[in-house]
Amino acid sequence: QMQGDIKEIKRDLRLLRDDIHRIRLEHEELVERV
C-alpha cells in the first residue's frame, strides 16, 4: 500500500513541477511583454 501511495505522490510532484515550470515560462513571457 505504501508503494502505491509513494507512486501517487511522485506523480503529483511531477505534475506540480510541470505546473511550476509552465507558470515560470508564462511569467517570463508576461515580463517581456510588459
PDB file of all heavy atoms in Angstrom:
ATOM      1  N   GLN A   1       0.837  -1.206   0.000  1.00  0.00           N
ATOM      2  CA  GLN A   1       0.000   0.000   0.000  1.00  0.00           C
ATOM      3  C   GLN A   1       0.868   1.252   0.000  1.00  0.00           C
ATOM      4  O   GLN A   1       0.598   2.214  -0.727  1.00  0.00           O
ATOM      5  CB  GLN A   1      -0.926   0.000   1.211  1.00  0.00           C
ATOM      6  CG  GLN A   1      -1.835   1.214   1.276  1.00  0.00           C
ATOM      7  CD  GLN A   1      -2.699   1.209   2.534  1.00  0.00           C
ATOM      8  OE1 GLN A   1      -2.565   0.350   3.400  1.00  0.00           O
ATOM      9  NE2 GLN A   1      -3.583   2.187   2.636  1.00  0.00           N
ATOM     10  N   MET A   2       1.935   1.236   0.792  1.00  0.00           N
ATOM     11  CA  MET A   2       2.827   2.393   0.844  1.00  0.00           C
ATOM     12  C   MET A   2       3.513   2.615  -0.504  1.00  0.00           C
ATOM     13  O   MET A   2       3.694   3.762  -0.919  1.00  0.00           O
ATOM     14  CB  MET A   2       3.862   2.204   1.951  1.00  0.00           C
ATOM     15  CG  MET A   2       3.276   2.347   3.343  1.00  0.00           C
ATOM     16  SD  MET A   2       4.439   1.935   4.657  1.00  0.00           S
ATOM     17  CE  MET A   2       5.693   3.160   4.427  1.00  0.00           C
ATOM     18  N   GLN A   3       3.866   1.548  -1.195  1.00  0.00           N
ATOM     19  CA  GLN A   3       4.475   1.693  -2.515  1.00  0.00           C
ATOM     20  C   GLN A   3       3.510   2.384  -3.471  1.00  0.00           C
ATOM     21  O   GLN A   3       3.912   3.262  -4.240  1.00  0.00           O
ATOM     22  CB  GLN A   3       4.882   0.326  -3.069  1.00  0.00           C
ATOM     23  CG  GLN A   3       6.103  -0.255  -2.428  1.00  0.00           C
ATOM     24  CD  GLN A   3       6.408  -1.656  -2.935  1.00  0.00           C
ATOM     25  OE1 GLN A   3       5.529  -2.354  -3.446  1.00  0.00           O
ATOM     26  NE2 GLN A   3       7.660  -2.065  -2.792  1.00  0.00           N
ATOM     27  N   GLY A   4       2.238   1.995  -3.399  1.00  0.00           N
ATOM     28  CA  GLY A   4       1.231   2.652  -4.238  1.00  0.00           C
ATOM     29  C   GLY A   4       1.086   4.124  -3.882  1.00  0.00           C
ATOM     30  O   GLY A   4       0.983   4.975  -4.775  1.00  0.00           O
ATOM     31  N   ASP A   5       1.081   4.414  -2.591  1.00  0.00           N
ATOM     32  CA  ASP A   5       0.970   5.806  -2.145  1.00  0.00           C
ATOM     33  C   ASP A   5       2.172   6.622  -2.611  1.00  0.00           C
ATOM     34  O   ASP A   5       2.027   7.771  -3.044  1.00  0.00           O
ATOM     35  CB  ASP A   5       0.856   5.881  -0.625  1.00  0.00           C
ATOM     36  CG  ASP A   5      -0.453   5.300  -0.093  1.00  0.00           C
ATOM     37  OD1 ASP A   5      -1.387   5.101  -0.894  1.00  0.00           O
ATOM     38  OD2 ASP A   5      -0.525   5.041   1.126  1.00  0.00           O
ATOM     39  N   ILE A   6       3.352   6.036  -2.537  1.00  0.00           N
ATOM     40  CA  ILE A   6       4.572   6.734  -2.965  1.00  0.00           C
ATOM     41  C   ILE A   6       4.525   7.016  -4.463  1.00  0.00           C
ATOM     42  O   ILE A   6       4.900   8.108  -4.907  1.00  0.00           O
ATOM     43  CB  ILE A   6       5.820   5.930  -2.563  1.00  0.00           C
ATOM     44  CG1 ILE A   6       6.006   5.997  -1.055  1.00  0.00           C
ATOM     45  CG2 ILE A   6       7.061   6.437  -3.283  1.00  0.00           C
ATOM     46  CD1 ILE A   6       7.061   5.041  -0.523  1.00  0.00           C
ATOM     47  N   LYS A   7       4.054   6.049  -5.247  1.00  0.00           N
ATOM     48  CA  LYS A   7       3.934   6.269  -6.699  1.00  0.00           C
ATOM     49  C   LYS A   7       2.989   7.433  -6.978  1.00  0.00           C
ATOM     50  O   LYS A   7       3.261   8.263  -7.848  1.00  0.00           O
ATOM     51  CB  LYS A   7       3.427   5.000  -7.390  1.00  0.00           C
ATOM     52  CG  LYS A   7       4.475   3.938  -7.537  1.00  0.00           C
ATOM     53  CD  LYS A   7       3.911   2.720  -8.245  1.00  0.00           C
ATOM     54  CE  LYS A   7       4.965   1.628  -8.343  1.00  0.00           C
ATOM     55  NZ  LYS A   7       4.429   0.413  -8.967  1.00  0.00           N
ATOM     56  N   GLU A   8       1.880   7.489  -6.240  1.00  0.00           N
ATOM     57  CA  GLU A   8       0.919   8.584  -6.434  1.00  0.00           C
ATOM     58  C   GLU A   8       1.540   9.928  -6.042  1.00  0.00           C
ATOM     59  O   GLU A   8       1.364  10.927  -6.744  1.00  0.00           O
ATOM     60  CB  GLU A   8      -0.328   8.314  -5.594  1.00  0.00           C
ATOM     61  CG  GLU A   8      -1.430   9.309  -5.845  1.00  0.00           C
ATOM     62  CD  GLU A   8      -2.699   8.971  -5.079  1.00  0.00           C
ATOM     63  OE1 GLU A   8      -2.870   7.805  -4.678  1.00  0.00           O
ATOM     64  OE2 GLU A   8      -3.515   9.884  -4.891  1.00  0.00           O
ATOM     65  N   ILE A   9       2.280   9.956  -4.953  1.00  0.00           N
ATOM     66  CA  ILE A   9       2.932  11.194  -4.522  1.00  0.00           C
ATOM     67  C   ILE A   9       3.957  11.637  -5.563  1.00  0.00           C
ATOM     68  O   ILE A   9       4.046  12.822  -5.894  1.00  0.00           O
ATOM     69  CB  ILE A   9       3.592  10.998  -3.140  1.00  0.00           C
ATOM     70  CG1 ILE A   9       2.503  10.872  -2.064  1.00  0.00           C
ATOM     71  CG2 ILE A   9       4.541  12.140  -2.810  1.00  0.00           C
ATOM     72  CD1 ILE A   9       3.024  10.420  -0.719  1.00  0.00           C
ATOM     73  N   LYS A  10       4.722  10.682  -6.100  1.00  0.00           N
ATOM     74  CA  LYS A  10       5.707  11.028  -7.132  1.00  0.00           C
ATOM     75  C   LYS A  10       5.018  11.605  -8.368  1.00  0.00           C
ATOM     76  O   LYS A  10       5.494  12.578  -8.951  1.00  0.00           O
ATOM     77  CB  LYS A  10       6.521   9.792  -7.531  1.00  0.00           C
ATOM     78  CG  LYS A  10       7.563   9.395  -6.524  1.00  0.00           C
ATOM     79  CD  LYS A  10       8.341   8.178  -7.023  1.00  0.00           C
ATOM     80  CE  LYS A  10       9.456   7.801  -6.093  1.00  0.00           C
ATOM     81  NZ  LYS A  10      10.204   6.628  -6.587  1.00  0.00           N
ATOM     82  N   ARG A  11       3.893  11.013  -8.750  1.00  0.00           N
ATOM     83  CA  ARG A  11       3.142  11.526  -9.897  1.00  0.00           C
ATOM     84  C   ARG A  11       2.665  12.948  -9.627  1.00  0.00           C
ATOM     85  O   ARG A  11       2.812  13.844 -10.469  1.00  0.00           O
ATOM     86  CB  ARG A  11       1.950  10.617 -10.193  1.00  0.00           C
ATOM     87  CG  ARG A  11       1.123  11.070 -11.390  1.00  0.00           C
ATOM     88  CD  ARG A  11      -0.132  10.232 -11.558  1.00  0.00           C
ATOM     89  NE  ARG A  11      -0.961  10.194 -10.366  1.00  0.00           N
ATOM     90  CZ  ARG A  11      -1.854  11.133 -10.036  1.00  0.00           C
ATOM     91  NH1 ARG A  11      -2.025  12.194 -10.801  1.00  0.00           N
ATOM     92  NH2 ARG A  11      -2.575  11.017  -8.943  1.00  0.00           N
ATOM     93  N   ASP A  12       2.130  13.177  -8.434  1.00  0.00           N
ATOM     94  CA  ASP A  12       1.663  14.519  -8.073  1.00  0.00           C
ATOM     95  C   ASP A  12       2.815  15.529  -8.083  1.00  0.00           C
ATOM     96  O   ASP A  12       2.648  16.666  -8.531  1.00  0.00           O
ATOM     97  CB  ASP A  12       0.999  14.506  -6.696  1.00  0.00           C
ATOM     98  CG  ASP A  12      -0.336  13.767  -6.692  1.00  0.00           C
ATOM     99  OD1 ASP A  12      -0.871  13.500  -7.795  1.00  0.00           O
ATOM    100  OD2 ASP A  12      -0.840  13.453  -5.591  1.00  0.00           O
ATOM    101  N   LEU A  13       3.973  15.115  -7.596  1.00  0.00           N
ATOM    102  CA  LEU A  13       5.139  16.014  -7.598  1.00  0.00           C
ATOM    103  C   LEU A  13       5.568  16.358  -9.017  1.00  0.00           C
ATOM    104  O   LEU A  13       5.935  17.501  -9.303  1.00  0.00           O
ATOM    105  CB  LEU A  13       6.300  15.386  -6.834  1.00  0.00           C
ATOM    106  CG  LEU A  13       6.170  15.387  -5.314  1.00  0.00           C
ATOM    107  CD1 LEU A  13       7.307  14.600  -4.683  1.00  0.00           C
ATOM    108  CD2 LEU A  13       6.146  16.802  -4.777  1.00  0.00           C
ATOM    109  N   ARG A  14       5.540  15.347  -9.909  1.00  0.00           N
ATOM    110  CA  ARG A  14       5.881  15.631 -11.308  1.00  0.00           C
ATOM    111  C   ARG A  14       4.903  16.637 -11.911  1.00  0.00           C
ATOM    112  O   ARG A  14       5.306  17.559 -12.623  1.00  0.00           O
ATOM    113  CB  ARG A  14       5.877  14.339 -12.127  1.00  0.00           C
ATOM    114  CG  ARG A  14       7.169  13.559 -12.053  1.00  0.00           C
ATOM    115  CD  ARG A  14       7.251  12.474 -13.113  1.00  0.00           C
ATOM    116  NE  ARG A  14       6.212  11.464 -12.984  1.00  0.00           N
ATOM    117  CZ  ARG A  14       6.258  10.418 -12.163  1.00  0.00           C
ATOM    118  NH1 ARG A  14       7.307  10.241 -11.402  1.00  0.00           N
ATOM    119  NH2 ARG A  14       5.276   9.556 -12.109  1.00  0.00           N
ATOM    120  N   LEU A  15       3.623  16.458 -11.615  1.00  0.00           N
ATOM    121  CA  LEU A  15       2.617  17.391 -12.130  1.00  0.00           C
ATOM    122  C   LEU A  15       2.853  18.797 -11.569  1.00  0.00           C
ATOM    123  O   LEU A  15       2.757  19.790 -12.308  1.00  0.00           O
ATOM    124  CB  LEU A  15       1.210  16.909 -11.776  1.00  0.00           C
ATOM    125  CG  LEU A  15       0.731  15.648 -12.495  1.00  0.00           C
ATOM    126  CD1 LEU A  15      -0.602  15.179 -11.917  1.00  0.00           C
ATOM    127  CD2 LEU A  15       0.612  15.886 -13.986  1.00  0.00           C
ATOM    128  N   LEU A  16       3.152  18.889 -10.287  1.00  0.00           N
ATOM    129  CA  LEU A  16       3.435  20.196  -9.680  1.00  0.00           C
ATOM    130  C   LEU A  16       4.668  20.838 -10.307  1.00  0.00           C
ATOM    131  O   LEU A  16       4.675  22.043 -10.603  1.00  0.00           O
ATOM    132  CB  LEU A  16       3.647  20.048  -8.172  1.00  0.00           C
ATOM    133  CG  LEU A  16       2.391  19.897  -7.330  1.00  0.00           C
ATOM    134  CD1 LEU A  16       2.764  19.541  -5.906  1.00  0.00           C
ATOM    135  CD2 LEU A  16       1.556  21.154  -7.369  1.00  0.00           C
ATOM    136  N   ARG A  17       5.708  20.026 -10.519  1.00  0.00           N
ATOM    137  CA  ARG A  17       6.928  20.546 -11.125  1.00  0.00           C
ATOM    138  C   ARG A  17       6.640  21.059 -12.543  1.00  0.00           C
ATOM    139  O   ARG A  17       7.095  22.130 -12.929  1.00  0.00           O
ATOM    140  CB  ARG A  17       7.993  19.445 -11.157  1.00  0.00           C
ATOM    141  CG  ARG A  17       9.366  19.941 -11.477  1.00  0.00           C
ATOM    142  CD  ARG A  17      10.459  18.906 -11.280  1.00  0.00           C
ATOM    143  NE  ARG A  17      10.096  17.567 -11.692  1.00  0.00           N
ATOM    144  CZ  ARG A  17      10.088  16.500 -10.874  1.00  0.00           C
ATOM    145  NH1 ARG A  17      10.433  16.623  -9.620  1.00  0.00           N
ATOM    146  NH2 ARG A  17       9.737  15.314 -11.316  1.00  0.00           N
ATOM    147  N   ASP A  18       5.824  20.315 -13.293  1.00  0.00           N
ATOM    148  CA  ASP A  18       5.452  20.753 -14.638  1.00  0.00           C
ATOM    149  C   ASP A  18       4.645  22.046 -14.585  1.00  0.00           C
ATOM    150  O   ASP A  18       4.855  22.956 -15.406  1.00  0.00           O
ATOM    151  CB  ASP A  18       4.654  19.665 -15.352  1.00  0.00           C
ATOM    152  CG  ASP A  18       5.473  18.423 -15.661  1.00  0.00           C
ATOM    153  OD1 ASP A  18       6.723  18.496 -15.574  1.00  0.00           O
ATOM    154  OD2 ASP A  18       4.873  17.386 -15.980  1.00  0.00           O
ATOM    155  N   ASP A  19       3.715  22.133 -13.637  1.00  0.00           N
ATOM    156  CA  ASP A  19       2.906  23.357 -13.493  1.00  0.00           C
ATOM    157  C   ASP A  19       3.786  24.553 -13.143  1.00  0.00           C
ATOM    158  O   ASP A  19       3.618  25.647 -13.698  1.00  0.00           O
ATOM    159  CB  ASP A  19       1.835  23.175 -12.410  1.00  0.00           C
ATOM    160  CG  ASP A  19       0.687  22.282 -12.854  1.00  0.00           C
ATOM    161  OD1 ASP A  19       0.592  21.978 -14.067  1.00  0.00           O
ATOM    162  OD2 ASP A  19      -0.102  21.873 -11.982  1.00  0.00           O
ATOM    163  N   ILE A  20       4.730  24.350 -12.230  1.00  0.00           N
ATOM    164  CA  ILE A  20       5.626  25.447 -11.840  1.00  0.00           C
ATOM    165  C   ILE A  20       6.463  25.892 -13.028  1.00  0.00           C
ATOM    166  O   ILE A  20       6.645  27.096 -13.255  1.00  0.00           O
ATOM    167  CB  ILE A  20       6.515  25.008 -10.652  1.00  0.00           C
ATOM    168  CG1 ILE A  20       5.665  24.898  -9.389  1.00  0.00           C
ATOM    169  CG2 ILE A  20       7.667  25.980 -10.439  1.00  0.00           C
ATOM    170  CD1 ILE A  20       6.385  24.261  -8.220  1.00  0.00           C
ATOM    171  N   HIS A  21       6.941  24.942 -13.801  1.00  0.00           N
ATOM    172  CA  HIS A  21       7.742  25.282 -14.984  1.00  0.00           C
ATOM    173  C   HIS A  21       6.902  26.091 -15.978  1.00  0.00           C
ATOM    174  O   HIS A  21       7.356  27.117 -16.508  1.00  0.00           O
ATOM    175  CB  HIS A  21       8.269  24.003 -15.642  1.00  0.00           C
ATOM    176  CG  HIS A  21       9.085  24.250 -16.858  1.00  0.00           C
ATOM    177  ND1 HIS A  21      10.350  24.803 -16.803  1.00  0.00           N
ATOM    178  CD2 HIS A  21       8.821  24.033 -18.166  1.00  0.00           C
ATOM    179  CE1 HIS A  21      10.816  24.916 -18.029  1.00  0.00           C
ATOM    180  NE2 HIS A  21       9.911  24.446 -18.867  1.00  0.00           N
ATOM    181  N   ARG A  22       5.665  25.653 -16.201  1.00  0.00           N
ATOM    182  CA  ARG A  22       4.778  26.366 -17.121  1.00  0.00           C
ATOM    183  C   ARG A  22       4.484  27.779 -16.612  1.00  0.00           C
ATOM    184  O   ARG A  22       4.520  28.757 -17.368  1.00  0.00           O
ATOM    185  CB  ARG A  22       3.472  25.582 -17.277  1.00  0.00           C
ATOM    186  CG  ARG A  22       2.473  26.218 -18.233  1.00  0.00           C
ATOM    187  CD  ARG A  22       1.176  25.442 -18.292  1.00  0.00           C
ATOM    188  NE  ARG A  22       0.631  25.069 -16.999  1.00  0.00           N
ATOM    189  CZ  ARG A  22      -0.045  25.894 -16.188  1.00  0.00           C
ATOM    190  NH1 ARG A  22      -0.242  27.144 -16.534  1.00  0.00           N
ATOM    191  NH2 ARG A  22      -0.523  25.468 -15.040  1.00  0.00           N
ATOM    192  N   ILE A  23       4.248  27.913 -15.318  1.00  0.00           N
ATOM    193  CA  ILE A  23       3.959  29.235 -14.740  1.00  0.00           C
ATOM    194  C   ILE A  23       5.181  30.142 -14.860  1.00  0.00           C
ATOM    195  O   ILE A  23       5.045  31.342 -15.170  1.00  0.00           O
ATOM    196  CB  ILE A  23       3.516  29.085 -13.266  1.00  0.00           C
ATOM    197  CG1 ILE A  23       2.129  28.442 -13.218  1.00  0.00           C
ATOM    198  CG2 ILE A  23       3.530  30.417 -12.536  1.00  0.00           C
ATOM    199  CD1 ILE A  23       1.686  27.996 -11.833  1.00  0.00           C
ATOM    200  N   ARG A  24       6.373  29.603 -14.663  1.00  0.00           N
ATOM    201  CA  ARG A  24       7.585  30.415 -14.817  1.00  0.00           C
ATOM    202  C   ARG A  24       7.736  30.913 -16.247  1.00  0.00           C
ATOM    203  O   ARG A  24       8.088  32.074 -16.482  1.00  0.00           O
ATOM    204  CB  ARG A  24       8.818  29.607 -14.421  1.00  0.00           C
ATOM    205  CG  ARG A  24       9.007  29.491 -12.945  1.00  0.00           C
ATOM    206  CD  ARG A  24      10.277  28.741 -12.613  1.00  0.00           C
ATOM    207  NE  ARG A  24      10.447  28.667 -11.169  1.00  0.00           N
ATOM    208  CZ  ARG A  24      11.133  27.732 -10.563  1.00  0.00           C
ATOM    209  NH1 ARG A  24      11.735  26.787 -11.250  1.00  0.00           N
ATOM    210  NH2 ARG A  24      11.234  27.742  -9.252  1.00  0.00           N
ATOM    211  N   LEU A  25       7.472  30.034 -17.198  1.00  0.00           N
ATOM    212  CA  LEU A  25       7.561  30.443 -18.598  1.00  0.00           C
ATOM    213  C   LEU A  25       6.531  31.532 -18.910  1.00  0.00           C
ATOM    214  O   LEU A  25       6.854  32.520 -19.592  1.00  0.00           O
ATOM    215  CB  LEU A  25       7.353  29.241 -19.527  1.00  0.00           C
ATOM    216  CG  LEU A  25       8.466  28.201 -19.540  1.00  0.00           C
ATOM    217  CD1 LEU A  25       8.065  27.006 -20.414  1.00  0.00           C
ATOM    218  CD2 LEU A  25       9.766  28.800 -20.014  1.00  0.00           C
ATOM    219  N   GLU A  26       5.329  31.354 -18.407  1.00  0.00           N
ATOM    220  CA  GLU A  26       4.290  32.368 -18.623  1.00  0.00           C
ATOM    221  C   GLU A  26       4.697  33.680 -17.960  1.00  0.00           C
ATOM    222  O   GLU A  26       4.488  34.763 -18.535  1.00  0.00           O
ATOM    223  CB  GLU A  26       2.948  31.885 -18.067  1.00  0.00           C
ATOM    224  CG  GLU A  26       2.327  30.779 -18.880  1.00  0.00           C
ATOM    225  CD  GLU A  26       1.062  30.228 -18.240  1.00  0.00           C
ATOM    226  OE1 GLU A  26       0.654  30.722 -17.161  1.00  0.00           O
ATOM    227  OE2 GLU A  26       0.482  29.294 -18.816  1.00  0.00           O
ATOM    228  N   HIS A  27       5.274  33.611 -16.784  1.00  0.00           N
ATOM    229  CA  HIS A  27       5.712  34.811 -16.082  1.00  0.00           C
ATOM    230  C   HIS A  27       6.792  35.540 -16.887  1.00  0.00           C
ATOM    231  O   HIS A  27       6.744  36.769 -17.048  1.00  0.00           O
ATOM    232  CB  HIS A  27       6.230  34.438 -14.692  1.00  0.00           C
ATOM    233  CG  HIS A  27       6.770  35.602 -13.938  1.00  0.00           C
ATOM    234  ND1 HIS A  27       8.106  35.868 -13.862  1.00  0.00           N
ATOM    235  CD2 HIS A  27       6.140  36.582 -13.236  1.00  0.00           C
ATOM    236  CE1 HIS A  27       8.286  36.963 -13.142  1.00  0.00           C
ATOM    237  NE2 HIS A  27       7.112  37.410 -12.745  1.00  0.00           N
ATOM    238  N   GLU A  28       7.764  34.778 -17.366  1.00  0.00           N
ATOM    239  CA  GLU A  28       8.832  35.396 -18.172  1.00  0.00           C
ATOM    240  C   GLU A  28       8.255  36.059 -19.413  1.00  0.00           C
ATOM    241  O   GLU A  28       8.660  37.177 -19.781  1.00  0.00           O
ATOM    242  CB  GLU A  28       9.865  34.338 -18.580  1.00  0.00           C
ATOM    243  CG  GLU A  28      10.730  33.867 -17.442  1.00  0.00           C
ATOM    244  CD  GLU A  28      11.640  32.708 -17.852  1.00  0.00           C
ATOM    245  OE1 GLU A  28      11.690  32.363 -19.056  1.00  0.00           O
ATOM    246  OE2 GLU A  28      12.301  32.152 -16.955  1.00  0.00           O
ATOM    247  N   GLU A  29       7.299  35.389 -20.030  1.00  0.00           N
ATOM    248  CA  GLU A  29       6.671  35.969 -21.233  1.00  0.00           C
ATOM    249  C   GLU A  29       5.924  37.254 -20.884  1.00  0.00           C
ATOM    250  O   GLU A  29       6.017  38.250 -21.607  1.00  0.00           O
ATOM    251  CB  GLU A  29       5.709  34.946 -21.845  1.00  0.00           C
ATOM    252  CG  GLU A  29       5.020  35.436 -23.102  1.00  0.00           C
ATOM    253  CD  GLU A  29       3.994  34.440 -23.626  1.00  0.00           C
ATOM    254  OE1 GLU A  29       4.109  33.236 -23.326  1.00  0.00           O
ATOM    255  OE2 GLU A  29       3.076  34.899 -24.322  1.00  0.00           O
ATOM    256  N   LEU A  30       5.220  37.235 -19.772  1.00  0.00           N
ATOM    257  CA  LEU A  30       4.479  38.434 -19.365  1.00  0.00           C
ATOM    258  C   LEU A  30       5.435  39.580 -19.023  1.00  0.00           C
ATOM    259  O   LEU A  30       5.165  40.751 -19.365  1.00  0.00           O
ATOM    260  CB  LEU A  30       3.576  38.124 -18.175  1.00  0.00           C
ATOM    261  CG  LEU A  30       2.346  37.272 -18.479  1.00  0.00           C
ATOM    262  CD1 LEU A  30       1.642  36.871 -17.196  1.00  0.00           C
ATOM    263  CD2 LEU A  30       1.399  38.007 -19.414  1.00  0.00           C
ATOM    264  N   VAL A  31       6.543  39.264 -18.354  1.00  0.00           N
ATOM    265  CA  VAL A  31       7.526  40.291 -18.023  1.00  0.00           C
ATOM    266  C   VAL A  31       8.062  40.905 -19.315  1.00  0.00           C
ATOM    267  O   VAL A  31       8.182  42.136 -19.431  1.00  0.00           O
ATOM    268  CB  VAL A  31       8.665  39.711 -17.158  1.00  0.00           C
ATOM    269  CG1 VAL A  31       9.840  40.669 -17.082  1.00  0.00           C
ATOM    270  CG2 VAL A  31       8.149  39.375 -15.765  1.00  0.00           C
ATOM    271  N   GLU A  32       8.368  40.076 -20.292  1.00  0.00           N
ATOM    272  CA  GLU A  32       8.878  40.585 -21.575  1.00  0.00           C
ATOM    273  C   GLU A  32       7.842  41.467 -22.257  1.00  0.00           C
ATOM    274  O   GLU A  32       8.176  42.533 -22.802  1.00  0.00           O
ATOM    275  CB  GLU A  32       9.265  39.422 -22.492  1.00  0.00           C
ATOM    276  CG  GLU A  32      10.520  38.708 -22.065  1.00  0.00           C
ATOM    277  CD  GLU A  32      10.802  37.469 -22.921  1.00  0.00           C
ATOM    278  OE1 GLU A  32      10.069  37.224 -23.918  1.00  0.00           O
ATOM    279  OE2 GLU A  32      11.751  36.738 -22.576  1.00  0.00           O
ATOM    280  N   ARG A  33       6.600  41.058 -22.221  1.00  0.00           N
ATOM    281  CA  ARG A  33       5.543  41.855 -22.866  1.00  0.00           C
ATOM    282  C   ARG A  33       5.366  43.205 -22.166  1.00  0.00           C
ATOM    283  O   ARG A  33       5.185  44.240 -22.812  1.00  0.00           O
ATOM    284  CB  ARG A  33       4.238  41.072 -22.858  1.00  0.00           C
ATOM    285  CG  ARG A  33       4.290  39.872 -23.814  1.00  0.00           C
ATOM    286  CD  ARG A  33       3.094  38.981 -23.693  1.00  0.00           C
ATOM    287  NE  ARG A  33       1.886  39.640 -24.191  1.00  0.00           N
ATOM    288  CZ  ARG A  33       0.684  39.119 -24.118  1.00  0.00           C
ATOM    289  NH1 ARG A  33       0.509  37.934 -23.545  1.00  0.00           N
ATOM    290  NH2 ARG A  33      -0.351  39.760 -24.587  1.00  0.00           N
ATOM    291  N   VAL A  34       5.433  43.172 -20.819  1.00  0.00           N
ATOM    292  CA  VAL A  34       5.313  44.422 -20.066  1.00  0.00           C
ATOM    293  C   VAL A  34       6.488  45.343 -20.403  1.00  0.00           C
ATOM    294  O   VAL A  34       6.309  46.563 -20.591  1.00  0.00           O
ATOM    295  CB  VAL A  34       5.238  44.136 -18.549  1.00  0.00           C
ATOM    296  CG1 VAL A  34       5.445  45.411 -17.740  1.00  0.00           C
ATOM    297  CG2 VAL A  34       3.901  43.483 -18.195  1.00  0.00           C
TER     298      VAL A  34
END
